Amino acid sequence: MRIFSFGSSIVSSYWNGAATYYRGCYKYLARLGHEIIFAEPDAYGRQQHRDSEDFSYVESLVYQPGEGLDSMLEQASSADVVIKHSGLGVDDEALERRVLELAAGSAIVFWDVDAPATIARMHLNPHDLFRSVLPHYDAVFTYGGGPWVKEQYLRLGAKAYYTMYNGLDPDTHYRVPPDPSLACDVAFLGNRLPDREARVDELFLRAAELYPEGTFLLGGEGWADKRLPSNVRWIGHVPTGDHNRVNCSAGMVMNINRASMADSGFSPPTRIFEVAGTGSCLLCDDWPGIADCFEPDEELLVVKTAEDVIAALTKYDDAGRRKIGAAFQRRALRDHTYAQRAAQAEIAFQECIAARSPTLAHS
């Protein structure tokens, strides 16, 4: 299949949490023999902060917002599958409408990397453009979701719905030697976002205040003007190529979902699988669906308060943390690889094409 995707960026993780997800899904779809073209706008400084990784598994196209759309859509018109990802940040409304105008032979998929936000947007505005065009897409894929997200999308008119969780790419996320310059008791990598800040305040920053003898490492953009406890060190944007070093240098690594993702649940983010790949011990914020992916207390540690974080730090020695991290890694390699996700996506694409052209599918 020839798959043409519009997304925020596959070459840059700068202010772009979906980068690892795109890379994992499309890299392994390419390994299944599919041709991947990924079009992304030159926006938000991402092209000036490209990651130094091998993206040869995709044909990467960078276009100027607005003026480059006609050319991109013309190239997309010959694809078997055309995908509009959510959250490009520019041209979203135009693309949501215009991809549906492509040749009838293409299956058109909306692949949502932030389903709670998209659903909230449609509920808040009954006249939202996407609400009117959604029933014309052949399918909706979501980065996470669970029962609530599926129910919402089907009620809003989606013809078909598929959950495509994040996963582990063992070629990219694996154990490396710890870096003494990054040594800490707890590390958290995440951009400062209004929907997550209160949870970071409680689980990470208040934990640091309650545990002054500990060392805490904070990565991500947006924290420059945030008051931080004296035992928290902020290191700014961390390119995805450096995530292994950070995760392997920390005694424990923390995951903190955005509030909307935590409320809807069933949305394990990329950082969970990045940490699993390194076999590090994860402190995970609480949300529905964790146990569907990993076993709490055996493969990861669920924390609801700053006090829970301190309890975990004091309860588990290095051997205990290694045991949990090793179990975490084994489970991810068994059940949650991007090779498995790509195989699921391939089947879903085939079903979309068959539903669009039943005569051809059975000829």
Foldseek 3Di string as FASTA:
>chain_A
DEEEEEDQDCFFCAVNQCNLQVQLQQLLLLVVPYAYEYEAEPDDCRVVHGDPDDPVSYNYHYDHFPVRVVVSLVVVLPGQEYEYEPDNVGCNLVCLPVNLVGDLNHQYEYEYACLLVVLVVCVVDVPRSNLVCQLSHLEYEYQWFPDVSVVSSVVSHHNYYYYQHGAADLVQAEADAADVVLAFAEEEEDADDPQFVVVCCWAPQVLCVVCVVTAYEYEEPDCPPPDGPPRYHYDYHDTSNCLNNNLNRYQEYEDTDGNSCQARDRHDGNVLNSSLRHLFEYEYEHHPPPCVQPNDPQQYDYDHGSVSVVCVSVVDDSVRRSRNSPRNNVSRVVPGGSSVSNVVVVVVSLVSSCVSPVVVNVD
